Amino acid sequence: MSSVANDLLDDDVGDIDVGEEVVTQSLDEILVALIALRDDETHGTGLMEDMTRLFDVQPSPGTVYPRLHDLESDGTLTRHDLVQTKQYSIRDDDAAESTLESAMYQHLAVGLFLHAALDAV
């Protein structure tokens, strides 16, 4: 996350801690983004490891797997059953793009609002 922050903010901001509640609230979008960015290892365990590495958050399987199943049910993802695991991929590119774009603009709007409020503090 710090490399993303440095690229975006052009400043040495160090590590940005993302609260677990923020990750949980954006879990669908984060899962879709991680799956879109990866070519393999898109099984639940690999995705949870990515979230731990990227956000220092350890989501439980009881949180992640139901969200993956819901994203599969709504047609955004497709599941590939392998011998000992299931991997996910994007089924509907338009739905995935819409999901990510909507979340991005909502988070950006809140971030810009909070940034503007810093001047008032």
N, C-alpha and C. Protein backbone atom coordinates (compact mmCIF):
# COMPACT_ATOMS: atom_id res chain seq x y z
N MET A 1 0.83 -1.19 0.00
CA MET A 1 0.00 0.00 0.00
C MET A 1 0.87 1.25 0.00
N SER A 2 2.01 1.20 0.66
CA SER A 2 2.84 2.41 0.71
C SER A 2 3.35 2.79 -0.67
N SER A 3 3.66 1.80 -1.52
CA SER A 3 4.12 2.15 -2.86
C SER A 3 3.00 2.80 -3.67
N VAL A 4 1.77 2.35 -3.48
CA VAL A 4 0.63 2.98 -4.15
C VAL A 4 0.47 4.40 -3.64
N ALA A 5 0.53 4.58 -2.34
CA ALA A 5 0.39 5.92 -1.76
C ALA A 5 1.50 6.83 -2.26
N ASN A 6 2.72 6.33 -2.31
CA ASN A 6 3.83 7.15 -2.79
C ASN A 6 3.63 7.54 -4.25
N ASP A 7 3.16 6.60 -5.06
CA ASP A 7 2.91 6.91 -6.47
C ASP A 7 1.80 7.95 -6.61
N LEU A 8 0.73 7.79 -5.84
CA LEU A 8 -0.40 8.69 -5.96
C LEU A 8 -0.14 10.05 -5.34
N LEU A 9 0.49 10.04 -4.19
CA LEU A 9 0.66 11.29 -3.45
C LEU A 9 2.02 11.94 -3.68
N ASP A 10 2.92 11.23 -4.39
CA ASP A 10 4.24 11.76 -4.68
C ASP A 10 4.90 12.29 -3.41
N ASP A 11 4.84 11.48 -2.35
CA ASP A 11 5.34 11.91 -1.06
C ASP A 11 5.75 10.66 -0.30
N ASP A 12 6.71 10.78 0.59
CA ASP A 12 7.11 9.65 1.42
C ASP A 12 6.17 9.56 2.61
N VAL A 13 5.08 8.84 2.44
CA VAL A 13 4.06 8.77 3.48
C VAL A 13 4.22 7.54 4.37
N GLY A 14 5.16 6.66 4.06
CA GLY A 14 5.30 5.45 4.86
C GLY A 14 4.14 4.51 4.62
N ASP A 15 3.97 3.58 5.51
CA ASP A 15 2.87 2.63 5.38
C ASP A 15 1.55 3.28 5.75
N ILE A 16 0.55 2.99 4.97
CA ILE A 16 -0.80 3.43 5.27
C ILE A 16 -1.54 2.22 5.80
N ASP A 17 -2.00 2.31 7.02
CA ASP A 17 -2.76 1.21 7.59
C ASP A 17 -4.21 1.33 7.15
N VAL A 18 -4.72 0.24 6.61
CA VAL A 18 -6.12 0.19 6.20
C VAL A 18 -6.83 -0.63 7.26
N GLY A 19 -7.83 -0.04 7.88
CA GLY A 19 -8.55 -0.74 8.92
C GLY A 19 -9.31 -1.94 8.38
N GLU A 20 -9.42 -2.94 9.23
CA GLU A 20 -10.11 -4.16 8.83
C GLU A 20 -11.55 -3.88 8.40
N GLU A 21 -12.20 -2.90 9.06
CA GLU A 21 -13.58 -2.59 8.70
C GLU A 21 -13.67 -2.01 7.29
N VAL A 22 -12.65 -1.28 6.86
CA VAL A 22 -12.65 -0.74 5.49
C VAL A 22 -12.51 -1.87 4.48
N VAL A 23 -11.63 -2.81 4.77
CA VAL A 23 -11.46 -3.96 3.88
C VAL A 23 -12.75 -4.77 3.83
N THR A 24 -13.36 -5.00 4.99
CA THR A 24 -14.61 -5.77 5.03
C THR A 24 -15.71 -5.09 4.25
N GLN A 25 -15.81 -3.76 4.39
CA GLN A 25 -16.85 -3.02 3.68
C GLN A 25 -16.65 -3.06 2.17
N SER A 26 -15.42 -3.19 1.74
CA SER A 26 -15.10 -3.19 0.31
C SER A 26 -14.67 -4.58 -0.17
N LEU A 27 -15.04 -5.61 0.57
CA LEU A 27 -14.54 -6.95 0.29
C LEU A 27 -14.87 -7.42 -1.12
N ASP A 28 -16.09 -7.23 -1.59
CA ASP A 28 -16.45 -7.68 -2.94
C ASP A 28 -15.53 -7.04 -3.98
N GLU A 29 -15.35 -5.74 -3.87
CA GLU A 29 -14.54 -5.02 -4.84
C GLU A 29 -13.08 -5.45 -4.75
N ILE A 30 -12.57 -5.66 -3.54
CA ILE A 30 -11.18 -6.09 -3.38
C ILE A 30 -10.99 -7.48 -3.98
N LEU A 31 -11.94 -8.38 -3.74
CA LEU A 31 -11.84 -9.72 -4.31
C LEU A 31 -11.85 -9.68 -5.84
N VAL A 32 -12.76 -8.90 -6.41
CA VAL A 32 -12.83 -8.78 -7.87
C VAL A 32 -11.51 -8.21 -8.40
N ALA A 33 -10.98 -7.19 -7.75
CA ALA A 33 -9.72 -6.58 -8.18
C ALA A 33 -8.57 -7.57 -8.10
N LEU A 34 -8.47 -8.30 -6.99
CA LEU A 34 -7.38 -9.27 -6.85
C LEU A 34 -7.47 -10.35 -7.92
N ILE A 35 -8.67 -10.83 -8.19
CA ILE A 35 -8.85 -11.87 -9.21
C ILE A 35 -8.51 -11.31 -10.59
N ALA A 36 -8.91 -10.08 -10.86
CA ALA A 36 -8.61 -9.46 -12.16
C ALA A 36 -7.10 -9.26 -12.35
N LEU A 37 -6.39 -9.01 -11.26
CA LEU A 37 -4.96 -8.73 -11.35
C LEU A 37 -4.09 -9.98 -11.41
N ARG A 38 -4.65 -11.12 -11.06
CA ARG A 38 -3.87 -12.36 -10.99
C ARG A 38 -4.19 -13.28 -12.15
N ASP A 39 -3.20 -14.07 -12.56
CA ASP A 39 -3.41 -15.08 -13.59
C ASP A 39 -3.68 -16.45 -12.98
N ASP A 40 -3.19 -16.65 -11.76
CA ASP A 40 -3.40 -17.92 -11.09
C ASP A 40 -3.49 -17.68 -9.59
N GLU A 41 -3.59 -18.75 -8.83
CA GLU A 41 -3.69 -18.64 -7.37
C GLU A 41 -4.89 -17.80 -6.95
N THR A 42 -5.97 -17.90 -7.71
CA THR A 42 -7.17 -17.13 -7.38
C THR A 42 -8.14 -17.95 -6.53
N HIS A 43 -7.59 -18.84 -5.74
CA HIS A 43 -8.42 -19.59 -4.80
C HIS A 43 -8.53 -18.77 -3.52
N GLY A 44 -9.49 -19.12 -2.69
CA GLY A 44 -9.76 -18.34 -1.48
C GLY A 44 -8.55 -18.12 -0.60
N THR A 45 -7.75 -19.17 -0.40
CA THR A 45 -6.58 -19.05 0.47
C THR A 45 -5.58 -18.04 -0.11
N GLY A 46 -5.33 -18.13 -1.40
CA GLY A 46 -4.41 -17.19 -2.04
C GLY A 46 -4.91 -15.75 -1.96
N LEU A 47 -6.21 -15.56 -2.13
CA LEU A 47 -6.80 -14.22 -2.04
C LEU A 47 -6.69 -13.68 -0.62
N MET A 48 -6.92 -14.54 0.38
CA MET A 48 -6.78 -14.10 1.77
C MET A 48 -5.32 -13.76 2.09
N GLU A 49 -4.38 -14.52 1.53
CA GLU A 49 -2.95 -14.20 1.72
C GLU A 49 -2.61 -12.86 1.09
N ASP A 50 -3.19 -12.58 -0.09
CA ASP A 50 -2.97 -11.28 -0.73
C ASP A 50 -3.47 -10.14 0.16
N MET A 51 -4.65 -10.31 0.74
CA MET A 51 -5.20 -9.25 1.60
C MET A 51 -4.34 -9.03 2.84
N THR A 52 -3.79 -10.11 3.37
CA THR A 52 -2.90 -9.98 4.53
C THR A 52 -1.64 -9.23 4.12
N ARG A 53 -1.08 -9.58 2.97
CA ARG A 53 0.15 -8.93 2.51
C ARG A 53 -0.09 -7.47 2.14
N LEU A 54 -1.18 -7.19 1.44
CA LEU A 54 -1.45 -5.82 0.97
C LEU A 54 -2.00 -4.89 2.04
N PHE A 55 -2.89 -5.41 2.87
CA PHE A 55 -3.61 -4.55 3.80
C PHE A 55 -3.34 -4.86 5.27
N ASP A 56 -2.52 -5.89 5.53
CA ASP A 56 -2.23 -6.33 6.89
C ASP A 56 -3.52 -6.66 7.64
N VAL A 57 -4.45 -7.28 6.92
CA VAL A 57 -5.73 -7.70 7.46
C VAL A 57 -5.86 -9.19 7.20
N GLN A 58 -6.33 -9.94 8.18
CA GLN A 58 -6.49 -11.38 8.02
C GLN A 58 -7.97 -11.73 8.04
N PRO A 59 -8.61 -11.67 6.87
CA PRO A 59 -10.04 -12.01 6.83
C PRO A 59 -10.23 -13.50 7.07
N SER A 60 -11.34 -13.84 7.65
CA SER A 60 -11.62 -15.25 7.94
C SER A 60 -12.23 -15.92 6.70
N PRO A 61 -12.02 -17.23 6.58
CA PRO A 61 -12.66 -17.96 5.49
C PRO A 61 -14.18 -17.80 5.53
N GLY A 62 -14.74 -17.68 6.73
CA GLY A 62 -16.18 -17.51 6.88
C GLY A 62 -16.69 -16.19 6.35
N THR A 63 -15.78 -15.25 6.12
CA THR A 63 -16.13 -13.97 5.52
C THR A 63 -15.89 -13.99 4.01
N VAL A 64 -14.76 -14.55 3.60
CA VAL A 64 -14.34 -14.49 2.20
C VAL A 64 -15.14 -15.45 1.30
N TYR A 65 -15.26 -16.71 1.71
CA TYR A 65 -15.90 -17.70 0.83
C TYR A 65 -17.36 -17.38 0.52
N PRO A 66 -18.16 -16.93 1.49
CA PRO A 66 -19.53 -16.56 1.11
C PRO A 66 -19.58 -15.42 0.10
N ARG A 67 -18.65 -14.48 0.19
CA ARG A 67 -18.61 -13.37 -0.77
C ARG A 67 -18.23 -13.88 -2.16
N LEU A 68 -17.26 -14.81 -2.22
CA LEU A 68 -16.90 -15.40 -3.51
C LEU A 68 -18.09 -16.15 -4.11
N HIS A 69 -18.81 -16.88 -3.28
CA HIS A 69 -19.98 -17.61 -3.78
C HIS A 69 -21.06 -16.65 -4.28
N ASP A 70 -21.27 -15.54 -3.56
CA ASP A 70 -22.26 -14.56 -4.01
C ASP A 70 -21.85 -13.91 -5.33
N LEU A 71 -20.56 -13.60 -5.47
CA LEU A 71 -20.08 -13.01 -6.72
C LEU A 71 -20.20 -14.01 -7.88
N GLU A 72 -20.05 -15.27 -7.57
CA GLU A 72 -20.27 -16.30 -8.59
C GLU A 72 -21.76 -16.39 -8.93
N SER A 73 -22.60 -16.37 -7.91
CA SER A 73 -24.05 -16.48 -8.13
C SER A 73 -24.60 -15.33 -8.95
N ASP A 74 -24.05 -14.12 -8.74
CA ASP A 74 -24.57 -12.98 -9.49
C ASP A 74 -23.96 -12.86 -10.88
N GLY A 75 -23.06 -13.79 -11.22
CA GLY A 75 -22.52 -13.83 -12.58
C GLY A 75 -21.25 -13.04 -12.80
N THR A 76 -20.73 -12.39 -11.76
CA THR A 76 -19.50 -11.62 -11.93
C THR A 76 -18.29 -12.54 -12.05
N LEU A 77 -18.27 -13.61 -11.25
CA LEU A 77 -17.16 -14.56 -11.27
C LEU A 77 -17.62 -15.91 -11.79
N THR A 78 -16.65 -16.67 -12.22
CA THR A 78 -16.90 -18.08 -12.52
C THR A 78 -15.91 -18.90 -11.71
N ARG A 79 -16.33 -20.09 -11.32
CA ARG A 79 -15.50 -20.95 -10.50
C ARG A 79 -15.01 -22.13 -11.33
N HIS A 80 -13.73 -22.45 -11.17
CA HIS A 80 -13.13 -23.59 -11.85
C HIS A 80 -12.76 -24.61 -10.78
N ASP A 81 -13.40 -25.75 -10.80
CA ASP A 81 -13.12 -26.79 -9.81
C ASP A 81 -11.88 -27.56 -10.25
N LEU A 82 -10.84 -27.48 -9.42
CA LEU A 82 -9.62 -28.24 -9.67
C LEU A 82 -9.61 -29.44 -8.73
N VAL A 83 -8.54 -30.20 -8.72
CA VAL A 83 -8.49 -31.44 -7.94
C VAL A 83 -8.73 -31.17 -6.46
N GLN A 84 -7.99 -30.24 -5.86
CA GLN A 84 -8.12 -30.01 -4.42
C GLN A 84 -8.54 -28.59 -4.07
N THR A 85 -8.88 -27.81 -5.03
CA THR A 85 -9.24 -26.42 -4.75
C THR A 85 -10.17 -25.90 -5.83
N LYS A 86 -10.65 -24.72 -5.60
CA LYS A 86 -11.49 -24.03 -6.59
C LYS A 86 -10.82 -22.69 -6.89
N GLN A 87 -10.68 -22.36 -8.15
CA GLN A 87 -10.13 -21.07 -8.53
C GLN A 87 -11.22 -20.25 -9.18
N TYR A 88 -11.08 -18.96 -9.06
CA TYR A 88 -12.09 -18.04 -9.57
C TYR A 88 -11.48 -17.17 -10.67
N SER A 89 -12.32 -16.77 -11.60
CA SER A 89 -11.92 -15.83 -12.64
C SER A 89 -13.11 -14.94 -12.94
N ILE A 90 -12.83 -13.87 -13.64
CA ILE A 90 -13.88 -12.92 -14.01
C ILE A 90 -14.72 -13.55 -15.12
N ARG A 91 -16.02 -13.62 -14.92
CA ARG A 91 -16.94 -14.14 -15.94
C ARG A 91 -17.48 -12.98 -16.77
N ASP A 92 -17.92 -11.93 -16.08
CA ASP A 92 -18.56 -10.80 -16.74
C ASP A 92 -17.67 -9.56 -16.58
N ASP A 93 -16.89 -9.27 -17.62
CA ASP A 93 -15.97 -8.14 -17.57
C ASP A 93 -16.68 -6.83 -17.29
N ASP A 94 -17.84 -6.63 -17.90
CA ASP A 94 -18.58 -5.38 -17.69
C ASP A 94 -19.04 -5.24 -16.25
N ALA A 95 -19.55 -6.32 -15.66
CA ALA A 95 -19.99 -6.27 -14.26
C ALA A 95 -18.81 -6.02 -13.34
N ALA A 96 -17.68 -6.67 -13.60
CA ALA A 96 -16.49 -6.47 -12.78
C ALA A 96 -16.00 -5.03 -12.88
N GLU A 97 -15.95 -4.52 -14.10
CA GLU A 97 -15.51 -3.13 -14.31
C GLU A 97 -16.45 -2.16 -13.61
N SER A 98 -17.74 -2.37 -13.74
CA SER A 98 -18.72 -1.50 -13.09
C SER A 98 -18.58 -1.54 -11.57
N THR A 99 -18.38 -2.72 -11.01
CA THR A 99 -18.20 -2.88 -9.57
C THR A 99 -16.99 -2.09 -9.09
N LEU A 100 -15.87 -2.26 -9.79
CA LEU A 100 -14.64 -1.58 -9.39
C LEU A 100 -14.74 -0.07 -9.60
N GLU A 101 -15.30 0.34 -10.71
CA GLU A 101 -15.41 1.77 -11.00
C GLU A 101 -16.32 2.47 -9.99
N SER A 102 -17.43 1.88 -9.67
CA SER A 102 -18.35 2.47 -8.70
C SER A 102 -17.68 2.61 -7.33
N ALA A 103 -17.03 1.54 -6.88
CA ALA A 103 -16.35 1.59 -5.58
C ALA A 103 -15.23 2.62 -5.58
N MET A 104 -14.49 2.68 -6.68
CA MET A 104 -13.38 3.62 -6.78
C MET A 104 -13.88 5.07 -6.65
N TYR A 105 -14.93 5.41 -7.37
CA TYR A 105 -15.44 6.78 -7.31
C TYR A 105 -16.04 7.10 -5.94
N GLN A 106 -16.69 6.13 -5.32
CA GLN A 106 -17.25 6.37 -4.00
C GLN A 106 -16.13 6.61 -2.98
N HIS A 107 -15.10 5.78 -3.01
CA HIS A 107 -13.98 5.96 -2.08
C HIS A 107 -13.23 7.25 -2.37
N LEU A 108 -13.08 7.57 -3.64
CA LEU A 108 -12.40 8.80 -4.02
C LEU A 108 -13.17 10.02 -3.51
N ALA A 109 -14.48 10.00 -3.68
CA ALA A 109 -15.30 11.12 -3.21
C ALA A 109 -15.17 11.31 -1.70
N VAL A 110 -15.23 10.21 -0.96
CA VAL A 110 -15.08 10.31 0.50
C VAL A 110 -13.68 10.79 0.85
N GLY A 111 -12.67 10.26 0.16
CA GLY A 111 -11.30 10.69 0.42
C GLY A 111 -11.09 12.17 0.14
N LEU A 112 -11.64 12.66 -0.95
CA LEU A 112 -11.51 14.09 -1.27
C LEU A 112 -12.25 14.95 -0.24
N PHE A 113 -13.41 14.50 0.21
CA PHE A 113 -14.15 15.21 1.25
C PHE A 113 -13.32 15.28 2.53
N LEU A 114 -12.76 14.16 2.94
CA LEU A 114 -11.96 14.14 4.17
C LEU A 114 -10.70 14.97 4.00
N HIS A 115 -10.09 14.93 2.85
CA HIS A 115 -8.91 15.74 2.60
C HIS A 115 -9.23 17.24 2.71
N ALA A 116 -10.35 17.64 2.15
CA ALA A 116 -10.77 19.04 2.23
C ALA A 116 -11.04 19.44 3.67
N ALA A 117 -11.57 18.51 4.46
CA ALA A 117 -11.88 18.81 5.86
C ALA A 117 -10.61 19.03 6.69
N LEU A 118 -9.47 18.51 6.23
CA LEU A 118 -8.22 18.74 6.96
C LEU A 118 -7.91 20.22 7.10
N ASP A 119 -8.29 21.01 6.10
CA ASP A 119 -8.04 22.45 6.16
C ASP A 119 -8.83 23.11 7.28
N ALA A 120 -9.94 22.53 7.65
CA ALA A 120 -10.79 23.10 8.69
C ALA A 120 -10.34 22.70 10.10
N VAL A 121 -9.50 21.72 10.17
CA VAL A 121 -9.05 21.23 11.50
C VAL A 121 -7.89 22.03 11.99
